[in-house]
């Protein structure tokens, strides 16, 4: 089952997950929301999303581990990943980009319209 327009959100913060879900619905963007890295990897295999929004701090594994596994799986390696995290140090950003993330957005510095804008720029 492939849905090349679905956005997969891997985010464990219930408040931000709800905000993203509401905003995606309002913009008419199909999405799936999961709260753990392992579930995110399984969901990515299942739905083959157009793009993944990934938090770095997850309860079961780090976002870096998720990103590394995504990029090491041939079936998932080409899916663009945007990191959306509260970690804002340059070394975190460099590490994520080196592992293959397409962009790195800091939660406290970005609004939801900007997230949608970045998604649109990447999947056009």
C-alpha atoms as a PDB file:
ATOM      1  CA  UNK A   1       0.000   0.000   0.000  1.00  0.00           C
ATOM      2  CA  UNK A   2       1.765   3.143  -1.190  1.00  0.00           C
ATOM      3  CA  UNK A   3       0.483   6.629  -0.671  1.00  0.00           C
ATOM      4  CA  UNK A   4       3.044   9.001  -2.085  1.00  0.00           C
ATOM      5  CA  UNK A   5       1.241  12.089  -0.775  1.00  0.00           C
ATOM      6  CA  UNK A   6       1.084  11.042   2.891  1.00  0.00           C
ATOM      7  CA  UNK A   7       3.340  12.771   5.412  1.00  0.00           C
ATOM      8  CA  UNK A   8       4.556  10.589   8.275  1.00  0.00           C
ATOM      9  CA  UNK A   9       5.005  12.460  11.553  1.00  0.00           C
ATOM     10  CA  UNK A  10       7.107  10.749  14.227  1.00  0.00           C
ATOM     11  CA  UNK A  11       6.559  12.928  17.306  1.00  0.00           C
ATOM     12  CA  UNK A  12       5.995  11.878  20.923  1.00  0.00           C
ATOM     13  CA  UNK A  13       4.867  15.241  22.333  1.00  0.00           C
ATOM     14  CA  UNK A  14       1.046  14.963  22.485  1.00  0.00           C
ATOM     15  CA  UNK A  15       0.519  18.736  22.322  1.00  0.00           C
ATOM     16  CA  UNK A  16       2.707  19.228  19.255  1.00  0.00           C
ATOM     17  CA  UNK A  17       1.282  16.078  17.657  1.00  0.00           C
ATOM     18  CA  UNK A  18      -2.219  17.483  18.081  1.00  0.00           C
ATOM     19  CA  UNK A  19      -1.180  20.895  16.710  1.00  0.00           C
ATOM     20  CA  UNK A  20       0.495  19.312  13.675  1.00  0.00           C
ATOM     21  CA  UNK A  21      -2.492  17.015  13.094  1.00  0.00           C
ATOM     22  CA  UNK A  22      -4.955  19.907  13.240  1.00  0.00           C
ATOM     23  CA  UNK A  23      -2.811  22.022  10.911  1.00  0.00           C
ATOM     24  CA  UNK A  24      -2.317  19.197   8.405  1.00  0.00           C
ATOM     25  CA  UNK A  25      -6.072  18.539   8.377  1.00  0.00           C
ATOM     26  CA  UNK A  26      -6.780  22.229   7.868  1.00  0.00           C
ATOM     27  CA  UNK A  27      -4.338  22.339   4.919  1.00  0.00           C
ATOM     28  CA  UNK A  28      -5.755  19.111   3.441  1.00  0.00           C
ATOM     29  CA  UNK A  29      -2.457  17.258   3.774  1.00  0.00           C
ATOM     30  CA  UNK A  30      -2.843  13.506   4.384  1.00  0.00           C
ATOM     31  CA  UNK A  31      -0.680  12.322   7.279  1.00  0.00           C
ATOM     32  CA  UNK A  32      -0.025   9.542   9.744  1.00  0.00           C
ATOM     33  CA  UNK A  33       1.125  10.313  13.307  1.00  0.00           C
ATOM     34  CA  UNK A  34       3.100   7.871  15.447  1.00  0.00           C
ATOM     35  CA  UNK A  35       4.748   8.489  18.812  1.00  0.00           C
ATOM     36  CA  UNK A  36       7.710   6.096  18.775  1.00  0.00           C
ATOM     37  CA  UNK A  37      10.658   5.530  16.465  1.00  0.00           C
ATOM     38  CA  UNK A  38      10.071   1.798  16.027  1.00  0.00           C
ATOM     39  CA  UNK A  39       6.429   2.379  15.126  1.00  0.00           C
ATOM     40  CA  UNK A  40       7.557   5.111  12.752  1.00  0.00           C
ATOM     41  CA  UNK A  41       9.890   2.737  10.908  1.00  0.00           C
ATOM     42  CA  UNK A  42       7.125   0.141  10.622  1.00  0.00           C
ATOM     43  CA  UNK A  43       4.621   2.760   9.425  1.00  0.00           C
ATOM     44  CA  UNK A  44       7.136   4.069   6.852  1.00  0.00           C
ATOM     45  CA  UNK A  45       7.509   0.531   5.464  1.00  0.00           C
ATOM     46  CA  UNK A  46       3.716   0.162   5.386  1.00  0.00           C
ATOM     47  CA  UNK A  47       2.656   3.475   3.832  1.00  0.00           C
ATOM     48  CA  UNK A  48       5.749   4.629   1.881  1.00  0.00           C
ATOM     49  CA  UNK A  49       5.227   8.312   2.774  1.00  0.00           C
ATOM     50  CA  UNK A  50       6.164  11.250   0.576  1.00  0.00           C
ATOM     51  CA  UNK A  51       8.084  12.787   3.492  1.00  0.00           C
ATOM     52  CA  UNK A  52       8.825  12.154   7.173  1.00  0.00           C
ATOM     53  CA  UNK A  53       8.821  14.748   9.951  1.00  0.00           C
ATOM     54  CA  UNK A  54      11.009  13.343  12.715  1.00  0.00           C
ATOM     55  CA  UNK A  55      11.611  14.401  16.310  1.00  0.00           C
ATOM     56  CA  UNK A  56      15.045  13.594  17.733  1.00  0.00           C
ATOM     57  CA  UNK A  57      13.899  12.843  21.287  1.00  0.00           C
ATOM     58  CA  UNK A  58      11.654   9.775  21.229  1.00  0.00           C
ATOM     59  CA  UNK A  59      10.827   7.344  24.043  1.00  0.00           C
ATOM     60  CA  UNK A  60      12.128   4.124  22.459  1.00  0.00           C
ATOM     61  CA  UNK A  61      15.081   5.226  20.335  1.00  0.00           C
ATOM     62  CA  UNK A  62      16.681   8.483  19.237  1.00  0.00           C
ATOM     63  CA  UNK A  63      15.627  10.264  16.092  1.00  0.00           C
ATOM     64  CA  UNK A  64      19.213   9.840  14.897  1.00  0.00           C
ATOM     65  CA  UNK A  65      18.793   6.052  15.142  1.00  0.00           C
ATOM     66  CA  UNK A  66      15.496   6.264  13.240  1.00  0.00           C
ATOM     67  CA  UNK A  67      17.103   8.442  10.560  1.00  0.00           C
ATOM     68  CA  UNK A  68      20.061   6.086  10.245  1.00  0.00           C
ATOM     69  CA  UNK A  69      17.782   3.055   9.875  1.00  0.00           C
ATOM     70  CA  UNK A  70      15.636   4.871   7.301  1.00  0.00           C
ATOM     71  CA  UNK A  71      18.678   5.751   5.216  1.00  0.00           C
ATOM     72  CA  UNK A  72      20.094   2.204   5.492  1.00  0.00           C
ATOM     73  CA  UNK A  73      16.921   0.519   4.196  1.00  0.00           C
ATOM     74  CA  UNK A  74      16.799   0.552   0.386  1.00  0.00           C
ATOM     75  CA  UNK A  75      12.985   0.709   0.401  1.00  0.00           C
ATOM     76  CA  UNK A  76      13.007   3.850   2.589  1.00  0.00           C
ATOM     77  CA  UNK A  77      16.322   5.546   1.858  1.00  0.00           C
ATOM     78  CA  UNK A  78      14.961   8.020  -0.696  1.00  0.00           C
ATOM     79  CA  UNK A  79      12.157   9.370   1.510  1.00  0.00           C
ATOM     80  CA  UNK A  80      13.034  12.949   2.481  1.00  0.00           C
ATOM     81  CA  UNK A  81      13.229  13.585   6.235  1.00  0.00           C
ATOM     82  CA  UNK A  82      12.737  16.893   8.029  1.00  0.00           C
ATOM     83  CA  UNK A  83      13.952  17.022  11.615  1.00  0.00           C
ATOM     84  CA  UNK A  84      11.631  18.991  13.915  1.00  0.00           C
ATOM     85  CA  UNK A  85      13.281  19.172  17.322  1.00  0.00           C
ATOM     86  CA  UNK A  86      13.890  21.277  20.398  1.00  0.00           C
ATOM     87  CA  UNK A  87      17.571  20.404  20.133  1.00  0.00           C
ATOM     88  CA  UNK A  88      19.039  23.497  18.555  1.00  0.00           C
ATOM     89  CA  UNK A  89      22.799  23.145  18.866  1.00  0.00           C
ATOM     90  CA  UNK A  90      24.789  23.338  15.644  1.00  0.00           C
ATOM     91  CA  UNK A  91      26.370  19.913  16.239  1.00  0.00           C
ATOM     92  CA  UNK A  92      22.910  18.294  16.455  1.00  0.00           C
ATOM     93  CA  UNK A  93      21.919  19.982  13.231  1.00  0.00           C
ATOM     94  CA  UNK A  94      25.165  18.934  11.517  1.00  0.00           C
ATOM     95  CA  UNK A  95      24.770  15.331  12.711  1.00  0.00           C
ATOM     96  CA  UNK A  96      21.192  15.098  11.396  1.00  0.00           C
ATOM     97  CA  UNK A  97      22.097  16.614   8.034  1.00  0.00           C
ATOM     98  CA  UNK A  98      25.154  14.332   7.759  1.00  0.00           C
ATOM     99  CA  UNK A  99      22.873  11.318   8.321  1.00  0.00           C
ATOM    100  CA  UNK A 100      20.698  12.432   5.410  1.00  0.00           C
ATOM    101  CA  UNK A 101      18.037  14.781   6.776  1.00  0.00           C
ATOM    102  CA  UNK A 102      16.879  17.316   4.176  1.00  0.00           C
ATOM    103  CA  UNK A 103      16.169  20.097   6.679  1.00  0.00           C
ATOM    104  CA  UNK A 104      16.346  20.806  10.411  1.00  0.00           C
ATOM    105  CA  UNK A 105      13.687  22.955  12.060  1.00  0.00           C
ATOM    106  CA  UNK A 106      13.788  24.029  15.701  1.00  0.00           C
ATOM    107  CA  UNK A 107      10.353  23.716  17.322  1.00  0.00           C
ATOM    108  CA  UNK A 108      10.647  26.929  19.329  1.00  0.00           C
ATOM    109  CA  UNK A 109      11.745  28.937  16.280  1.00  0.00           C
ATOM    110  CA  UNK A 110       9.253  27.798  13.651  1.00  0.00           C
ATOM    111  CA  UNK A 111       5.501  28.064  13.196  1.00  0.00           C
ATOM    112  CA  UNK A 112       3.267  25.450  11.610  1.00  0.00           C
ATOM    113  CA  UNK A 113       2.860  27.385   8.358  1.00  0.00           C
ATOM    114  CA  UNK A 114       6.659  27.311   7.955  1.00  0.00           C
ATOM    115  CA  UNK A 115       6.637  23.528   8.481  1.00  0.00           C
ATOM    116  CA  UNK A 116       4.022  23.178   5.707  1.00  0.00           C
ATOM    117  CA  UNK A 117       6.050  25.531   3.497  1.00  0.00           C
ATOM    118  CA  UNK A 118       9.190  23.387   3.905  1.00  0.00           C
ATOM    119  CA  UNK A 119       7.184  20.217   3.197  1.00  0.00           C
ATOM    120  CA  UNK A 120       5.825  21.780   0.014  1.00  0.00           C
ATOM    121  CA  UNK A 121       9.257  22.903  -1.142  1.00  0.00           C
ATOM    122  CA  UNK A 122      10.691  19.405  -0.711  1.00  0.00           C
ATOM    123  CA  UNK A 123       7.907  17.256  -2.198  1.00  0.00           C
ATOM    124  CA  UNK A 124       7.015  19.384  -5.209  1.00  0.00           C
END
